């Protein structure tokens, strides 16, 4: 009887032990990163999407309003600097030019006549003066009238020459009025848009009232990427720094960029974060291939870079520069470290960790803490 009791007790103890063993905490599966050396780049990225822009863009309109008489280009045309693109009706102004040219001819003829008379009067005065000196044939009064007449004619000659200059200046005014009716290309470029037709009436945009320009001209020989950078990060960006450009339309990142401009002011808009406009120019012609003004783009400015340094992935870092380190018994413990350069992907480790250390990068829904036993996901 006693042996049966002992057997029952042993069975109960074994059953309880098996239940307790089955309910023991299971090791939590985690993903692990083994520390090694690699590249860490300290970068700054834009806060809102940027835009690819042509290095020069002009919205062209005539300086004076009028009816379109000639439209000499169409969208997509390549034009040279100084080429006439559009002409407003200006026949009255051209007639003024011809009138001034005729007036110049008349002024020259009149001046020539006056100068010829002045020459004759001066010679007559010289003869009268000679006769009065040597032969005393003529009176002093006659000599005085002759000399005065010669000087008067010479002054009239000079006035006639000045009249020619006046009419030439008036011709310049008339020609300038004609030029105001012409739209010329200020630089070599491509016509992006034409918002006018023959016979339509076009005017310059009044102040404060934006209107479509008759011609939109782009210089696509060079392109820049303009993007807003948060005011907190803008102070560390300088012209000449290297930068990469990412475009939604293309999969590859283009890293031949260089910062060419940092705006000298902070852009302040209502209900938006304050930003500084930064422009990046791509230097490699291959990176400019297939780019068009207007593409959305992001920039990443390189502040500093280390090619071979101990680094941690961003997903392994906890608050206050801590990580969950796995010891030799697969038990977690918290470990602090001193960070260096950092970006969205990696952070440099200056001290506190060493090559080969294993840190947790991802855990299940149940979470983990220091002191928990874990198992590494294969």
Protein backbone atom coordinates (compact mmCIF):
# COMPACT_ATOMS: atom_id res chain seq x y z
CA UNK A 1 0.00 0.00 0.00
CA UNK A 2 2.82 2.30 0.88
CA UNK A 3 4.58 1.68 -2.44
CA UNK A 4 1.38 2.52 -4.31
CA UNK A 5 1.15 5.82 -2.49
CA UNK A 6 4.73 6.67 -3.37
CA UNK A 7 4.05 5.81 -7.00
CA UNK A 8 1.04 8.12 -7.15
CA UNK A 9 3.00 10.93 -5.56
CA UNK A 10 5.84 10.44 -8.07
CA UNK A 11 3.39 10.52 -10.95
CA UNK A 12 1.80 13.71 -9.65
CA UNK A 13 5.21 15.33 -9.25
CA UNK A 14 6.21 14.32 -12.80
CA UNK A 15 2.91 15.63 -14.16
CA UNK A 16 3.37 18.97 -12.39
CA UNK A 17 6.93 19.23 -13.63
CA UNK A 18 5.88 18.57 -17.21
CA UNK A 19 3.14 21.20 -16.96
CA UNK A 20 5.56 23.76 -15.54
CA UNK A 21 8.12 22.92 -18.23
CA UNK A 22 5.57 23.31 -21.00
CA UNK A 23 4.56 26.71 -19.62
CA UNK A 24 8.07 28.07 -19.26
CA UNK A 25 8.86 31.33 -21.20
CA UNK A 26 9.93 30.49 -24.69
CA UNK A 27 12.95 32.29 -26.24
CA UNK A 28 11.78 35.25 -28.31
CA UNK A 29 12.80 35.23 -31.94
CA UNK A 30 14.64 38.39 -32.98
CA UNK A 31 16.54 39.68 -35.99
CA UNK A 32 20.18 40.45 -35.31
CA UNK A 33 22.80 42.71 -36.82
CA UNK A 34 26.47 41.90 -36.33
CA UNK A 35 28.56 45.05 -36.00
CA UNK A 36 31.12 45.60 -38.74
CA UNK A 37 32.90 48.48 -40.41
CA UNK A 38 31.39 50.27 -43.38
CA UNK A 39 30.59 53.63 -44.92
CA UNK A 40 28.66 56.28 -42.99
CA UNK A 41 27.57 59.49 -44.68
CA UNK A 42 26.16 62.46 -42.80
CA UNK A 43 23.55 63.95 -45.11
CA UNK A 44 20.73 66.48 -45.18
CA UNK A 45 17.62 65.96 -47.32
CA UNK A 46 14.86 68.27 -48.42
CA UNK A 47 11.68 68.55 -46.36
CA UNK A 48 9.30 68.93 -49.31
CA UNK A 49 9.60 67.73 -52.88
CA UNK A 50 11.90 69.75 -55.14
CA UNK A 51 11.72 70.52 -58.85
CA UNK A 52 14.01 70.27 -61.85
CA UNK A 53 14.34 73.75 -63.33
CA UNK A 54 15.94 75.18 -66.45
CA UNK A 55 18.89 77.41 -65.62
CA UNK A 56 17.17 80.23 -67.52
CA UNK A 57 13.48 80.69 -68.27
CA UNK A 58 11.81 83.79 -69.69
CA UNK A 59 8.12 84.59 -70.02
CA UNK A 60 8.20 86.94 -73.02
CA UNK A 61 5.64 89.58 -73.95
CA UNK A 62 5.86 92.73 -76.10
CA UNK A 63 6.60 95.99 -74.29
CA UNK A 64 3.48 97.51 -75.81
CA UNK A 65 0.06 96.01 -76.49
CA UNK A 66 -1.30 95.39 -79.95
CA UNK A 67 -2.54 92.90 -82.52
CA UNK A 68 -0.26 89.99 -83.43
CA UNK A 69 0.90 90.62 -86.99
CA UNK A 70 3.57 87.91 -87.25
CA UNK A 71 4.11 84.75 -85.19
CA UNK A 72 7.46 83.41 -86.32
CA UNK A 73 7.92 80.38 -84.02
CA UNK A 74 5.98 77.38 -82.76
CA UNK A 75 6.32 75.23 -79.66
CA UNK A 76 9.50 73.17 -79.62
CA UNK A 77 11.48 75.44 -81.97
CA UNK A 78 15.15 76.09 -81.22
CA UNK A 79 15.94 79.81 -81.35
CA UNK A 80 19.08 81.96 -81.19
CA UNK A 81 19.68 85.03 -79.10
CA UNK A 82 18.22 88.13 -80.76
CA UNK A 83 15.92 86.18 -83.09
CA UNK A 84 12.50 87.78 -83.61
CA UNK A 85 9.77 85.52 -82.25
CA UNK A 86 6.64 87.67 -82.49
CA UNK A 87 5.71 91.03 -84.00
CA UNK A 88 2.81 93.27 -83.06
CA UNK A 89 1.19 95.44 -85.78
CA UNK A 90 3.46 98.46 -86.17
CA UNK A 91 2.97 99.90 -89.68
CA UNK A 92 2.36 103.37 -88.27
CA UNK A 93 5.63 103.25 -86.34
CA UNK A 94 7.55 102.00 -89.37
CA UNK A 95 6.08 104.90 -91.37
CA UNK A 96 7.45 107.23 -88.69
CA UNK A 97 10.87 105.68 -89.21
CA UNK A 98 10.71 106.33 -92.95
CA UNK A 99 9.53 109.88 -92.31
CA UNK A 100 12.50 110.54 -90.03
CA UNK A 101 14.91 109.13 -92.61
CA UNK A 102 13.49 111.53 -95.20
CA UNK A 103 13.75 114.37 -92.71
CA UNK A 104 17.43 113.60 -92.20
CA UNK A 105 18.04 113.88 -95.94
CA UNK A 106 16.22 117.23 -96.04
CA UNK A 107 18.16 118.50 -93.02
CA UNK A 108 21.46 117.55 -94.62
CA UNK A 109 20.56 119.35 -97.85
CA UNK A 110 19.47 122.46 -95.93
CA UNK A 111 22.65 122.38 -93.82
CA UNK A 112 24.78 122.04 -96.95
CA UNK A 113 23.07 125.08 -98.50
CA UNK A 114 23.57 127.14 -95.34
CA UNK A 115 27.23 126.18 -95.07
CA UNK A 116 27.84 127.09 -98.71
CA UNK A 117 26.33 130.53 -98.11
CA UNK A 118 28.43 130.90 -94.97
CA UNK A 119 31.58 130.15 -96.94
CA UNK A 120 30.70 132.78 -99.55
CA UNK A 121 29.92 135.38 -96.91
CA UNK A 122 33.23 134.75 -95.14
CA UNK A 123 35.18 135.14 -98.36
CA UNK A 124 33.31 138.37 -99.13
CA UNK A 125 34.15 139.70 -95.65
CA UNK A 126 37.82 138.84 -96.15
CA UNK A 127 37.93 140.78 -99.43
CA UNK A 128 36.19 143.81 -97.89
CA UNK A 129 38.64 143.79 -95.00
CA UNK A 130 41.62 143.68 -97.39
CA UNK A 131 40.31 146.59 -99.44
CA UNK A 132 39.73 148.66 -96.34
CA UNK A 133 43.23 148.06 -95.02
CA UNK A 134 45.31 148.72 -98.13
CA UNK A 135 43.28 150.89 -100.46
CA UNK A 136 40.75 152.43 -98.11
CA UNK A 137 38.13 151.96 -100.82
CA UNK A 138 35.32 150.77 -98.56
CA UNK A 139 34.11 152.18 -95.30
CA UNK A 140 34.54 150.60 -91.91
CA UNK A 141 30.76 150.23 -91.67
CA UNK A 142 30.63 148.14 -94.83
CA UNK A 143 33.45 145.95 -93.59
CA UNK A 144 31.67 145.46 -90.26
CA UNK A 145 28.42 144.44 -91.96
CA UNK A 146 30.29 142.01 -94.21
CA UNK A 147 32.15 140.36 -91.31
CA UNK A 148 28.97 140.13 -89.23
CA UNK A 149 27.11 138.59 -92.16
CA UNK A 150 29.82 135.96 -92.56
CA UNK A 151 29.72 135.04 -88.88
CA UNK A 152 25.93 134.87 -88.96
CA UNK A 153 25.96 132.53 -91.94
CA UNK A 154 28.55 130.33 -90.24
CA UNK A 155 26.34 130.12 -87.15
CA UNK A 156 23.42 129.16 -89.36
CA UNK A 157 25.63 126.43 -90.86
CA UNK A 158 26.36 125.06 -87.40
CA UNK A 159 22.64 125.16 -86.56
CA UNK A 160 21.92 123.20 -89.71
CA UNK A 161 24.46 120.53 -88.66
CA UNK A 162 22.85 120.35 -85.22
CA UNK A 163 19.46 119.94 -86.88
CA UNK A 164 20.82 116.84 -88.61
CA UNK A 165 21.78 115.36 -85.22
CA UNK A 166 18.31 116.18 -83.88
CA UNK A 167 16.59 114.38 -86.74
CA UNK A 168 18.95 111.42 -86.34
CA UNK A 169 18.01 111.23 -82.65
CA UNK A 170 14.34 111.38 -83.61
CA UNK A 171 14.99 108.48 -85.98
CA UNK A 172 16.43 106.52 -83.02
CA UNK A 173 13.27 107.24 -81.02
CA UNK A 174 11.08 106.02 -83.88
CA UNK A 175 13.17 102.86 -84.31
CA UNK A 176 13.01 102.20 -80.55
CA UNK A 177 9.22 102.45 -80.74
CA UNK A 178 9.28 99.78 -83.46
CA UNK A 179 11.51 97.56 -81.29
CA UNK A 180 8.92 97.72 -78.49
CA UNK A 181 6.51 95.89 -80.78
CA UNK A 182 8.96 93.00 -81.32
CA UNK A 183 9.54 90.01 -79.05
CA UNK A 184 13.13 88.79 -79.39
CA UNK A 185 14.90 85.83 -77.77
CA UNK A 186 17.10 87.07 -74.90
CA UNK A 187 19.19 83.88 -75.06
CA UNK A 188 19.59 80.67 -77.04
CA UNK A 189 16.82 78.30 -76.05
CA UNK A 190 13.72 76.26 -76.84
CA UNK A 191 10.20 77.62 -77.17
CA UNK A 192 8.20 75.81 -74.48
CA UNK A 193 4.79 77.40 -75.00
CA UNK A 194 3.11 79.80 -77.41
CA UNK A 195 -0.02 81.43 -75.99
CA UNK A 196 -0.90 83.70 -78.91
CA UNK A 197 -2.34 83.41 -82.40
CA UNK A 198 -2.25 85.67 -85.45
CA UNK A 199 -4.75 88.47 -85.11
CA UNK A 200 -5.10 88.18 -81.34
CA UNK A 201 -4.55 91.19 -79.13
CA UNK A 202 -1.66 90.82 -76.66
CA UNK A 203 -0.63 93.09 -73.82
CA UNK A 204 2.10 93.14 -71.18
CA UNK A 205 1.03 91.77 -67.80
CA UNK A 206 -0.26 94.61 -65.59
CA UNK A 207 1.35 94.82 -62.13
CA UNK A 208 -0.26 92.35 -59.76
CA UNK A 209 -2.39 90.70 -62.47
CA UNK A 210 -0.65 87.56 -63.77
CA UNK A 211 -1.52 86.70 -67.36
CA UNK A 212 -0.24 84.04 -69.72
CA UNK A 213 2.85 85.25 -71.59
CA UNK A 214 2.65 85.02 -75.39
CA UNK A 215 5.92 83.03 -75.45
CA UNK A 216 7.60 80.87 -72.81
CA UNK A 217 11.31 80.36 -73.57
CA UNK A 218 13.56 77.79 -71.83
CA UNK A 219 17.32 77.34 -71.83
CA UNK A 220 17.72 73.59 -71.26
CA UNK A 221 21.46 73.54 -71.91
CA UNK A 222 21.86 73.30 -68.14
CA UNK A 223 19.42 72.15 -65.46
CA UNK A 224 19.29 72.68 -61.72
CA UNK A 225 17.32 70.98 -58.97
CA UNK A 226 15.74 73.38 -56.51
CA UNK A 227 14.45 72.00 -53.21
CA UNK A 228 13.50 73.41 -49.79
CA UNK A 229 15.68 72.50 -46.81
CA UNK A 230 14.44 72.94 -43.25
CA UNK A 231 15.84 76.04 -41.56
CA UNK A 232 17.38 73.85 -38.83
CA UNK A 233 19.56 71.98 -41.35
CA UNK A 234 20.26 74.86 -43.73
CA UNK A 235 23.06 76.38 -41.64
CA UNK A 236 25.31 73.36 -42.28
CA UNK A 237 24.97 73.51 -46.08
CA UNK A 238 27.57 75.44 -48.09
CA UNK A 239 28.04 75.96 -51.81
CA UNK A 240 30.42 73.45 -53.34
CA UNK A 241 29.20 70.48 -51.28
CA UNK A 242 28.48 67.22 -53.09
CA UNK A 243 24.88 66.12 -53.46
CA UNK A 244 22.78 63.30 -54.89
CA UNK A 245 19.52 63.74 -56.75
CA UNK A 246 16.65 61.24 -56.78
CA UNK A 247 13.79 61.50 -59.25
CA UNK A 248 10.44 59.74 -59.08
CA UNK A 249 10.55 59.16 -62.84
CA UNK A 250 13.88 57.27 -62.74
CA UNK A 251 15.04 54.46 -60.44
CA UNK A 252 18.72 55.36 -60.10
CA UNK A 253 20.17 58.05 -57.86
CA UNK A 254 22.36 60.64 -59.62
CA UNK A 255 25.32 61.68 -57.48
CA UNK A 256 27.31 64.10 -59.66
CA UNK A 257 25.53 67.09 -58.14
CA UNK A 258 27.10 70.05 -56.43
CA UNK A 259 25.41 72.76 -54.36
CA UNK A 260 25.53 75.94 -56.44
CA UNK A 261 23.21 78.20 -54.45
CA UNK A 262 21.88 78.56 -50.94
CA UNK A 263 19.15 81.19 -50.70
CA UNK A 264 20.17 84.21 -48.57
CA UNK A 265 16.83 84.23 -46.76
CA UNK A 266 14.35 81.91 -45.06
CA UNK A 267 11.11 81.37 -46.93
CA UNK A 268 8.16 82.12 -44.68
CA UNK A 269 4.73 80.88 -45.71
CA UNK A 270 1.60 80.62 -43.63
CA UNK A 271 0.94 77.17 -42.14
CA UNK A 272 4.20 75.77 -43.56
CA UNK A 273 7.56 75.00 -42.03
CA UNK A 274 10.17 77.66 -42.71
CA UNK A 275 12.68 76.52 -45.28
CA UNK A 276 15.71 77.67 -47.25
CA UNK A 277 15.83 77.08 -51.01
CA UNK A 278 18.90 75.11 -52.12
CA UNK A 279 19.91 74.55 -55.74
CA UNK A 280 21.97 71.58 -56.95
CA UNK A 281 23.56 71.38 -60.41
CA UNK A 282 24.40 68.01 -62.00
CA UNK A 283 27.86 68.07 -63.57
CA UNK A 284 27.87 64.72 -65.40
CA UNK A 285 26.25 65.03 -68.85
CA UNK A 286 24.99 61.45 -68.47
CA UNK A 287 22.99 62.49 -65.41
CA UNK A 288 21.32 65.23 -67.46
CA UNK A 289 20.12 62.78 -70.09
CA UNK A 290 16.33 62.54 -70.37
CA UNK A 291 15.77 65.19 -67.70
CA UNK A 292 13.04 67.73 -68.34
CA UNK A 293 12.17 70.91 -66.44
CA UNK A 294 9.31 70.26 -64.05
CA UNK A 295 10.28 66.75 -62.91
CA UNK A 296 9.82 66.21 -59.17
CA UNK A 297 13.14 65.57 -57.45
CA UNK A 298 14.73 65.14 -54.01
CA UNK A 299 18.22 66.17 -53.02
CA UNK A 300 20.59 64.71 -50.44
CA UNK A 301 23.52 66.97 -49.52
CA UNK A 302 26.66 65.24 -48.22
CA UNK A 303 27.98 66.99 -45.09
CA UNK A 304 30.65 64.47 -44.05
CA UNK A 305 31.70 60.94 -44.91
CA UNK A 306 33.75 58.10 -43.41
CA UNK A 307 34.46 55.08 -45.60
CA UNK A 308 35.64 52.59 -42.93
CA UNK A 309 34.11 53.03 -39.50
CA UNK A 310 32.11 50.93 -37.03
CA UNK A 311 28.41 51.48 -37.69
CA UNK A 312 24.93 50.55 -36.47
CA UNK A 313 21.72 50.32 -38.50
CA UNK A 314 19.15 52.94 -37.53
CA UNK A 315 16.50 50.32 -36.64
CA UNK A 316 18.74 48.90 -33.87
CA UNK A 317 19.05 52.17 -31.94
CA UNK A 318 16.82 52.92 -28.93
CA UNK A 319 16.32 56.19 -27.11
CA UNK A 320 19.32 57.88 -25.49
CA UNK A 321 21.78 56.04 -27.76
CA UNK A 322 21.11 52.56 -26.40
CA UNK A 323 20.93 49.12 -28.04
CA UNK A 324 19.86 45.64 -26.96
CA UNK A 325 23.05 43.58 -27.00
CA UNK A 326 22.96 39.76 -27.13
CA UNK A 327 25.52 38.13 -24.81
CA UNK A 328 27.10 34.71 -25.17
CA UNK A 329 24.10 33.05 -23.44
CA UNK A 330 21.61 34.67 -25.84
CA UNK A 331 20.34 36.92 -23.07
CA UNK A 332 19.59 40.55 -23.83
CA UNK A 333 21.17 43.45 -21.98
CA UNK A 334 21.07 47.16 -22.61
CA UNK A 335 24.25 48.80 -23.79
CA UNK A 336 24.91 52.52 -24.31
CA UNK A 337 27.25 53.80 -26.99
CA UNK A 338 28.69 57.09 -28.19
CA UNK A 339 27.40 58.04 -31.68
CA UNK A 340 29.26 59.90 -34.40
CA UNK A 341 28.07 60.60 -37.95
CA UNK A 342 24.55 59.47 -38.72
CA UNK A 343 21.94 59.37 -41.45
CA UNK A 344 18.62 57.66 -42.06
CA UNK A 345 20.30 54.26 -42.50
CA UNK A 346 23.40 54.05 -40.29
CA UNK A 347 25.02 55.69 -37.26
CA UNK A 348 28.73 55.68 -36.52
CA UNK A 349 29.84 54.06 -33.24
CA UNK A 350 32.68 55.89 -31.51
CA UNK A 351 32.73 53.84 -28.30
CA UNK A 352 30.67 51.37 -26.24
CA UNK A 353 30.50 48.62 -28.88
CA UNK A 354 33.02 46.63 -30.88
CA UNK A 355 33.26 44.67 -34.10
CA UNK A 356 31.36 41.38 -33.88
CA UNK A 357 28.83 42.47 -31.27
CA UNK A 358 25.30 41.33 -32.01
CA UNK A 359 22.44 43.77 -31.51
CA UNK A 360 18.68 43.36 -31.97
CA UNK A 361 17.19 45.09 -35.01
CA UNK A 362 13.67 43.61 -35.07
CA UNK A 363 11.42 41.65 -32.69
CA UNK A 364 7.96 40.15 -32.75
CA UNK A 365 4.73 41.70 -31.53
CA UNK A 366 5.37 40.65 -27.93
CA UNK A 367 8.45 42.87 -27.64
CA UNK A 368 11.60 42.24 -25.62
CA UNK A 369 13.52 43.81 -22.76
CA UNK A 370 16.84 43.38 -21.04
CA UNK A 371 17.20 40.00 -19.33
CA UNK A 372 15.03 38.11 -21.84
CA UNK A 373 16.40 35.00 -23.52
CA UNK A 374 16.14 35.19 -27.29
CA UNK A 375 16.70 33.04 -30.33
CA UNK A 376 18.08 34.40 -33.57
CA UNK A 377 15.89 34.18 -36.65
CA UNK A 378 17.60 32.19 -39.40
